[in-house]
Amino acid sequence: MSAICQVTGRKPSFGKSVSHSHRRTNRRWSPNVQRRRFYAPSLGRSVTLNVSAKGLKVIDRDGIDAVVARLIARGEKI
């Protein structure tokens, strides 16, 4: 599963870990992406989305039908 949120577009960010001796090594911050199923009444079926925790809040705020309509308008396959 890719670590990209389908609702918000969040993806991993990259940076450096800095040790006590100030040695720098590469690291990555992954978003909290989870695979969730939602029932979309407008489509009459369930859809499975990879959503972050922030994406779940967006779905709670706007509703699943509005979010699905945005994804379809963007041309994303669901």
PDB file of N, CA and C in Angstrom:
ATOM      1  N   MET A   1       0.844  -1.176   0.000  1.00  0.00           N
ATOM      2  CA  MET A   1       0.000   0.000   0.000  1.00  0.00           C
ATOM      3  C   MET A   1       0.888   1.238   0.000  1.00  0.00           C
ATOM      4  N   SER A   2       0.593   2.161  -0.904  1.00  0.00           N
ATOM      5  CA  SER A   2       1.390   3.378  -0.938  1.00  0.00           C
ATOM      6  C   SER A   2       0.987   4.287   0.223  1.00  0.00           C
ATOM      7  N   ALA A   3       1.906   5.107   0.646  1.00  0.00           N
ATOM      8  CA  ALA A   3       1.669   5.980   1.796  1.00  0.00           C
ATOM      9  C   ALA A   3       1.188   7.346   1.336  1.00  0.00           C
ATOM     10  N   ILE A   4       0.200   7.366   0.414  1.00  0.00           N
ATOM     11  CA  ILE A   4      -0.355   8.626  -0.082  1.00  0.00           C
ATOM     12  C   ILE A   4      -1.844   8.638   0.210  1.00  0.00           C
ATOM     13  N   CYS A   5      -2.322   9.720   0.823  1.00  0.00           N
ATOM     14  CA  CYS A   5      -3.738   9.863   1.140  1.00  0.00           C
ATOM     15  C   CYS A   5      -4.487  10.278  -0.124  1.00  0.00           C
ATOM     16  N   GLN A   6      -5.568   9.558  -0.461  1.00  0.00           N
ATOM     17  CA  GLN A   6      -6.341   9.885  -1.648  1.00  0.00           C
ATOM     18  C   GLN A   6      -7.179  11.136  -1.461  1.00  0.00           C
ATOM     19  N   VAL A   7      -7.498  11.502  -0.237  1.00  0.00           N
ATOM     20  CA  VAL A   7      -8.358  12.652   0.020  1.00  0.00           C
ATOM     21  C   VAL A   7      -7.547  13.948   0.102  1.00  0.00           C
ATOM     22  N   THR A   8      -6.496  13.944   0.902  1.00  0.00           N
ATOM     23  CA  THR A   8      -5.731  15.176   1.111  1.00  0.00           C
ATOM     24  C   THR A   8      -4.458  15.255   0.277  1.00  0.00           C
ATOM     25  N   GLY A   9      -3.999  14.131  -0.251  1.00  0.00           N
ATOM     26  CA  GLY A   9      -2.769  14.136  -1.045  1.00  0.00           C
ATOM     27  C   GLY A   9      -1.502  14.104  -0.215  1.00  0.00           C
ATOM     28  N   ARG A  10      -1.639  13.877   1.074  1.00  0.00           N
ATOM     29  CA  ARG A  10      -0.444  13.821   1.926  1.00  0.00           C
ATOM     30  C   ARG A  10       0.421  12.637   1.560  1.00  0.00           C
ATOM     31  N   LYS A  11       1.731  12.865   1.535  1.00  0.00           N
ATOM     32  CA  LYS A  11       2.680  11.799   1.236  1.00  0.00           C
ATOM     33  C   LYS A  11       3.896  11.950   2.124  1.00  0.00           C
ATOM     34  N   PRO A  12       4.789  10.969   2.133  1.00  0.00           N
ATOM     35  CA  PRO A  12       5.933  11.040   3.037  1.00  0.00           C
ATOM     36  C   PRO A  12       6.799  12.265   2.765  1.00  0.00           C
ATOM     37  N   SER A  13       7.339  12.825   3.845  1.00  0.00           N
ATOM     38  CA  SER A  13       8.309  13.911   3.707  1.00  0.00           C
ATOM     39  C   SER A  13       9.666  13.378   4.162  1.00  0.00           C
ATOM     40  N   PHE A  14      10.705  13.983   3.668  1.00  0.00           N
ATOM     41  CA  PHE A  14      12.050  13.481   3.906  1.00  0.00           C
ATOM     42  C   PHE A  14      12.892  14.533   4.606  1.00  0.00           C
ATOM     43  N   GLY A  15      13.874  14.063   5.362  1.00  0.00           N
ATOM     44  CA  GLY A  15      14.751  14.969   6.077  1.00  0.00           C
ATOM     45  C   GLY A  15      15.942  14.213   6.627  1.00  0.00           C
ATOM     46  N   LYS A  16      16.511  14.736   7.681  1.00  0.00           N
ATOM     47  CA  LYS A  16      17.698  14.145   8.292  1.00  0.00           C
ATOM     48  C   LYS A  16      17.445  13.880   9.771  1.00  0.00           C
ATOM     49  N   SER A  17      17.990  12.760  10.241  1.00  0.00           N
ATOM     50  CA  SER A  17      18.081  12.514  11.674  1.00  0.00           C
ATOM     51  C   SER A  17      19.429  13.050  12.111  1.00  0.00           C
ATOM     52  N   VAL A  18      19.451  13.770  13.215  1.00  0.00           N
ATOM     53  CA  VAL A  18      20.698  14.343  13.706  1.00  0.00           C
ATOM     54  C   VAL A  18      21.007  13.720  15.061  1.00  0.00           C
ATOM     55  N   SER A  19      22.144  13.025  15.142  1.00  0.00           N
ATOM     56  CA  SER A  19      22.525  12.352  16.375  1.00  0.00           C
ATOM     57  C   SER A  19      23.155  13.345  17.357  1.00  0.00           C
ATOM     58  N   HIS A  20      23.491  12.851  18.524  1.00  0.00           N
ATOM     59  CA  HIS A  20      24.120  13.685  19.536  1.00  0.00           C
ATOM     60  C   HIS A  20      25.454  14.255  19.028  1.00  0.00           C
ATOM     61  N   SER A  21      26.188  13.464  18.240  1.00  0.00           N
ATOM     62  CA  SER A  21      27.464  13.936  17.700  1.00  0.00           C
ATOM     63  C   SER A  21      27.266  14.788  16.443  1.00  0.00           C
ATOM     64  N   HIS A  22      26.019  15.054  16.104  1.00  0.00           N
ATOM     65  CA  HIS A  22      25.612  15.887  14.974  1.00  0.00           C
ATOM     66  C   HIS A  22      25.857  15.210  13.629  1.00  0.00           C
ATOM     67  N   ARG A  23      25.956  13.887  13.632  1.00  0.00           N
ATOM     68  CA  ARG A  23      26.033  13.122  12.385  1.00  0.00           C
ATOM     69  C   ARG A  23      24.642  13.078  11.784  1.00  0.00           C
ATOM     70  N   ARG A  24      24.537  13.269  10.491  1.00  0.00           N
ATOM     71  CA  ARG A  24      23.227  13.316   9.842  1.00  0.00           C
ATOM     72  C   ARG A  24      23.001  12.093   8.960  1.00  0.00           C
ATOM     73  N   THR A  25      21.846  11.469   9.129  1.00  0.00           N
ATOM     74  CA  THR A  25      21.448  10.352   8.293  1.00  0.00           C
ATOM     75  C   THR A  25      20.049  10.632   7.751  1.00  0.00           C
ATOM     76  N   ASN A  26      19.764  10.052   6.594  1.00  0.00           N
ATOM     77  CA  ASN A  26      18.464  10.281   5.959  1.00  0.00           C
ATOM     78  C   ASN A  26      17.353   9.572   6.727  1.00  0.00           C
ATOM     79  N   ARG A  27      16.179  10.187   6.748  1.00  0.00           N
ATOM     80  CA  ARG A  27      15.008   9.565   7.347  1.00  0.00           C
ATOM     81  C   ARG A  27      13.763  10.035   6.627  1.00  0.00           C
ATOM     82  N   ARG A  28      12.658   9.414   6.949  1.00  0.00           N
ATOM     83  CA  ARG A  28      11.400   9.782   6.290  1.00  0.00           C
ATOM     84  C   ARG A  28      10.279   9.793   7.305  1.00  0.00           C
ATOM     85  N   TRP A  29       9.382  10.744   7.167  1.00  0.00           N
ATOM     86  CA  TRP A  29       8.195  10.834   8.005  1.00  0.00           C
ATOM     87  C   TRP A  29       7.014  10.372   7.172  1.00  0.00           C
ATOM     88  N   SER A  30       6.408   9.263   7.561  1.00  0.00           N
ATOM     89  CA  SER A  30       5.265   8.734   6.822  1.00  0.00           C
ATOM     90  C   SER A  30       3.967   9.234   7.448  1.00  0.00           C
ATOM     91  N   PRO A  31       2.984   9.602   6.628  1.00  0.00           N
ATOM     92  CA  PRO A  31       1.686  10.007   7.188  1.00  0.00           C
ATOM     93  C   PRO A  31       0.936   8.783   7.705  1.00  0.00           C
ATOM     94  N   ASN A  32      -0.021   9.011   8.565  1.00  0.00           N
ATOM     95  CA  ASN A  32      -0.812   7.931   9.153  1.00  0.00           C
ATOM     96  C   ASN A  32      -1.900   7.522   8.162  1.00  0.00           C
ATOM     97  N   VAL A  33      -1.530   6.706   7.162  1.00  0.00           N
ATOM     98  CA  VAL A  33      -2.451   6.301   6.106  1.00  0.00           C
ATOM     99  C   VAL A  33      -3.022   4.928   6.419  1.00  0.00           C
ATOM    100  N   GLN A  34      -4.349   4.826   6.328  1.00  0.00           N
ATOM    101  CA  GLN A  34      -5.048   3.577   6.611  1.00  0.00           C
ATOM    102  C   GLN A  34      -6.020   3.276   5.480  1.00  0.00           C
ATOM    103  N   ARG A  35      -6.250   1.995   5.232  1.00  0.00           N
ATOM    104  CA  ARG A  35      -7.198   1.576   4.205  1.00  0.00           C
ATOM    105  C   ARG A  35      -8.570   1.437   4.862  1.00  0.00           C
ATOM    106  N   ARG A  36      -9.550   2.229   4.399  1.00  0.00           N
ATOM    107  CA  ARG A  36     -10.883   2.224   5.005  1.00  0.00           C
ATOM    108  C   ARG A  36     -11.959   2.051   3.949  1.00  0.00           C
ATOM    109  N   ARG A  37     -13.037   1.373   4.321  1.00  0.00           N
ATOM    110  CA  ARG A  37     -14.191   1.213   3.434  1.00  0.00           C
ATOM    111  C   ARG A  37     -15.303   2.139   3.888  1.00  0.00           C
ATOM    112  N   PHE A  38     -15.920   2.810   2.926  1.00  0.00           N
ATOM    113  CA  PHE A  38     -17.036   3.717   3.186  1.00  0.00           C
ATOM    114  C   PHE A  38     -18.184   3.349   2.253  1.00  0.00           C
ATOM    115  N   TYR A  39     -19.405   3.496   2.730  1.00  0.00           N
ATOM    116  CA  TYR A  39     -20.561   3.298   1.858  1.00  0.00           C
ATOM    117  C   TYR A  39     -20.932   4.644   1.268  1.00  0.00           C
ATOM    118  N   ALA A  40     -20.928   4.733  -0.068  1.00  0.00           N
ATOM    119  CA  ALA A  40     -21.276   5.972  -0.765  1.00  0.00           C
ATOM    120  C   ALA A  40     -22.688   5.836  -1.327  1.00  0.00           C
ATOM    121  N   PRO A  41     -23.666   6.495  -0.713  1.00  0.00           N
ATOM    122  CA  PRO A  41     -25.050   6.390  -1.209  1.00  0.00           C
ATOM    123  C   PRO A  41     -25.210   6.895  -2.638  1.00  0.00           C
ATOM    124  N   SER A  42     -24.414   7.876  -3.046  1.00  0.00           N
ATOM    125  CA  SER A  42     -24.535   8.405  -4.407  1.00  0.00           C
ATOM    126  C   SER A  42     -24.144   7.361  -5.451  1.00  0.00           C
ATOM    127  N   LEU A  43     -23.195   6.482  -5.113  1.00  0.00           N
ATOM    128  CA  LEU A  43     -22.783   5.418  -6.026  1.00  0.00           C
ATOM    129  C   LEU A  43     -23.566   4.134  -5.787  1.00  0.00           C
ATOM    130  N   GLY A  44     -24.163   4.017  -4.607  1.00  0.00           N
ATOM    131  CA  GLY A  44     -24.908   2.811  -4.264  1.00  0.00           C
ATOM    132  C   GLY A  44     -24.023   1.628  -3.947  1.00  0.00           C
ATOM    133  N   ARG A  45     -22.788   1.878  -3.559  1.00  0.00           N
ATOM    134  CA  ARG A  45     -21.858   0.797  -3.239  1.00  0.00           C
ATOM    135  C   ARG A  45     -20.815   1.295  -2.247  1.00  0.00           C
ATOM    136  N   SER A  46     -19.988   0.360  -1.777  1.00  0.00           N
ATOM    137  CA  SER A  46     -18.889   0.714  -0.883  1.00  0.00           C
ATOM    138  C   SER A  46     -17.661   1.067  -1.697  1.00  0.00           C
ATOM    139  N   VAL A  47     -16.873   1.999  -1.194  1.00  0.00           N
ATOM    140  CA  VAL A  47     -15.610   2.352  -1.823  1.00  0.00           C
ATOM    141  C   VAL A  47     -14.508   2.181  -0.794  1.00  0.00           C
ATOM    142  N   THR A  48     -13.356   1.734  -1.242  1.00  0.00           N
ATOM    143  CA  THR A  48     -12.204   1.565  -0.373  1.00  0.00           C
ATOM    144  C   THR A  48     -11.206   2.661  -0.693  1.00  0.00           C
ATOM    145  N   LEU A  49     -10.800   3.405   0.322  1.00  0.00           N
ATOM    146  CA  LEU A  49      -9.893   4.529   0.140  1.00  0.00           C
ATOM    147  C   LEU A  49      -8.695   4.392   1.066  1.00  0.00           C
ATOM    148  N   ASN A  50      -7.539   4.880   0.599  1.00  0.00           N
ATOM    149  CA  ASN A  50      -6.376   5.038   1.462  1.00  0.00           C
ATOM    150  C   ASN A  50      -6.438   6.457   2.004  1.00  0.00           C
ATOM    151  N   VAL A  51      -6.761   6.599   3.275  1.00  0.00           N
ATOM    152  CA  VAL A  51      -6.942   7.925   3.860  1.00  0.00           C
ATOM    153  C   VAL A  51      -6.045   8.101   5.072  1.00  0.00           C
ATOM    154  N   SER A  52      -5.588   9.332   5.256  1.00  0.00           N
ATOM    155  CA  SER A  52      -4.821   9.677   6.445  1.00  0.00           C
ATOM    156  C   SER A  52      -5.794  10.049   7.554  1.00  0.00           C
ATOM    157  N   ALA A  53      -5.268  10.274   8.737  1.00  0.00           N
ATOM    158  CA  ALA A  53      -6.109  10.680   9.860  1.00  0.00           C
ATOM    159  C   ALA A  53      -6.765  12.024   9.553  1.00  0.00           C
ATOM    160  N   LYS A  54      -6.037  12.919   8.891  1.00  0.00           N
ATOM    161  CA  LYS A  54      -6.605  14.213   8.489  1.00  0.00           C
ATOM    162  C   LYS A  54      -7.685  14.001   7.427  1.00  0.00           C
ATOM    163  N   GLY A  55      -7.482  13.030   6.534  1.00  0.00           N
ATOM    164  CA  GLY A  55      -8.479  12.727   5.512  1.00  0.00           C
ATOM    165  C   GLY A  55      -9.782  12.227   6.116  1.00  0.00           C
ATOM    166  N   LEU A  56      -9.700  11.470   7.206  1.00  0.00           N
ATOM    167  CA  LEU A  56     -10.906  11.017   7.898  1.00  0.00           C
ATOM    168  C   LEU A  56     -11.679  12.201   8.467  1.00  0.00           C
ATOM    169  N   LYS A  57     -10.957  13.204   8.970  1.00  0.00           N
ATOM    170  CA  LYS A  57     -11.619  14.394   9.487  1.00  0.00           C
ATOM    171  C   LYS A  57     -12.301  15.172   8.366  1.00  0.00           C
ATOM    172  N   VAL A  58     -11.677  15.196   7.196  1.00  0.00           N
ATOM    173  CA  VAL A  58     -12.279  15.874   6.043  1.00  0.00           C
ATOM    174  C   VAL A  58     -13.559  15.161   5.627  1.00  0.00           C
ATOM    175  N   ILE A  59     -13.539  13.820   5.642  1.00  0.00           N
ATOM    176  CA  ILE A  59     -14.727  13.045   5.286  1.00  0.00           C
ATOM    177  C   ILE A  59     -15.833  13.277   6.310  1.00  0.00           C
ATOM    178  N   ASP A  60     -15.479  13.345   7.586  1.00  0.00           N
ATOM    179  CA  ASP A  60     -16.475  13.642   8.620  1.00  0.00           C
ATOM    180  C   ASP A  60     -17.070  15.033   8.431  1.00  0.00           C
ATOM    181  N   ARG A  61     -16.245  15.987   8.027  1.00  0.00           N
ATOM    182  CA  ARG A  61     -16.700  17.369   7.879  1.00  0.00           C
ATOM    183  C   ARG A  61     -17.565  17.557   6.634  1.00  0.00           C
ATOM    184  N   ASP A  62     -17.086  17.065   5.464  1.00  0.00           N
ATOM    185  CA  ASP A  62     -17.758  17.333   4.196  1.00  0.00           C
ATOM    186  C   ASP A  62     -18.750  16.251   3.786  1.00  0.00           C
ATOM    187  N   GLY A  63     -18.573  15.040   4.287  1.00  0.00           N
ATOM    188  CA  GLY A  63     -19.421  13.919   3.892  1.00  0.00           C
ATOM    189  C   GLY A  63     -18.746  13.102   2.802  1.00  0.00           C
ATOM    190  N   ILE A  64     -19.037  11.814   2.787  1.00  0.00           N
ATOM    191  CA  ILE A  64     -18.369  10.912   1.846  1.00  0.00           C
ATOM    192  C   ILE A  64     -18.798  11.193   0.414  1.00  0.00           C
ATOM    193  N   ASP A  65     -20.058  11.607   0.196  1.00  0.00           N
ATOM    194  CA  ASP A  65     -20.509  11.881  -1.169  1.00  0.00           C
ATOM    195  C   ASP A  65     -19.750  13.048  -1.801  1.00  0.00           C
ATOM    196  N   ALA A  66     -19.513  14.096  -1.041  1.00  0.00           N
ATOM    197  CA  ALA A  66     -18.771  15.249  -1.560  1.00  0.00           C
ATOM    198  C   ALA A  66     -17.324  14.879  -1.857  1.00  0.00           C
ATOM    199  N   VAL A  67     -16.731  14.075  -0.990  1.00  0.00           N
ATOM    200  CA  VAL A  67     -15.340  13.658  -1.180  1.00  0.00           C
ATOM    201  C   VAL A  67     -15.226  12.750  -2.395  1.00  0.00           C
ATOM    202  N   VAL A  68     -16.158  11.818  -2.559  1.00  0.00           N
ATOM    203  CA  VAL A  68     -16.138  10.917  -3.714  1.00  0.00           C
ATOM    204  C   VAL A  68     -16.334  11.709  -5.006  1.00  0.00           C
ATOM    205  N   ALA A  69     -17.213  12.707  -4.981  1.00  0.00           N
ATOM    206  CA  ALA A  69     -17.430  13.544  -6.169  1.00  0.00           C
ATOM    207  C   ALA A  69     -16.146  14.279  -6.551  1.00  0.00           C
ATOM    208  N   ARG A  70     -15.395  14.767  -5.553  1.00  0.00           N
ATOM    209  CA  ARG A  70     -14.116  15.440  -5.821  1.00  0.00           C
ATOM    210  C   ARG A  70     -13.103  14.483  -6.429  1.00  0.00           C
ATOM    211  N   LEU A  71     -13.046  13.254  -5.909  1.00  0.00           N
ATOM    212  CA  LEU A  71     -12.112  12.259  -6.433  1.00  0.00           C
ATOM    213  C   LEU A  71     -12.452  11.899  -7.878  1.00  0.00           C
ATOM    214  N   ILE A  72     -13.728  11.755  -8.179  1.00  0.00           N
ATOM    215  CA  ILE A  72     -14.143  11.416  -9.544  1.00  0.00           C
ATOM    216  C   ILE A  72     -13.850  12.585 -10.478  1.00  0.00           C
ATOM    217  N   ALA A  73     -14.087  13.814 -10.035  1.00  0.00           N
ATOM    218  CA  ALA A  73     -13.793  14.987 -10.854  1.00  0.00           C
ATOM    219  C   ALA A  73     -12.305  15.117 -11.128  1.00  0.00           C
ATOM    220  N   ARG A  74     -11.498  14.670 -10.191  1.00  0.00           N
ATOM    221  CA  ARG A  74     -10.035  14.714 -10.347  1.00  0.00           C
ATOM    222  C   ARG A  74      -9.548  13.600 -11.262  1.00  0.00           C
ATOM    223  N   GLY A  75     -10.425  12.633 -11.566  1.00  0.00           N
ATOM    224  CA  GLY A  75     -10.071  11.542 -12.461  1.00  0.00           C
ATOM    225  C   GLY A  75      -9.453  10.356 -11.764  1.00  0.00           C
ATOM    226  N   GLU A  76      -9.610  10.289 -10.461  1.00  0.00           N
ATOM    227  CA  GLU A  76      -9.029   9.182  -9.706  1.00  0.00           C
ATOM    228  C   GLU A  76      -9.958   7.974  -9.742  1.00  0.00           C
ATOM    229  N   LYS A  77      -9.379   6.782  -9.861  1.00  0.00           N
ATOM    230  CA  LYS A  77     -10.167   5.564  -9.905  1.00  0.00           C
ATOM    231  C   LYS A  77     -10.499   5.093  -8.498  1.00  0.00           C
ATOM    232  N   ILE A  78     -11.785   4.872  -8.229  1.00  0.00           N
ATOM    233  CA  ILE A  78     -12.210   4.374  -6.914  1.00  0.00           C
ATOM    234  C   ILE A  78     -13.120   3.181  -7.081  1.00  0.00           C
TER     235      ILE A  78
END
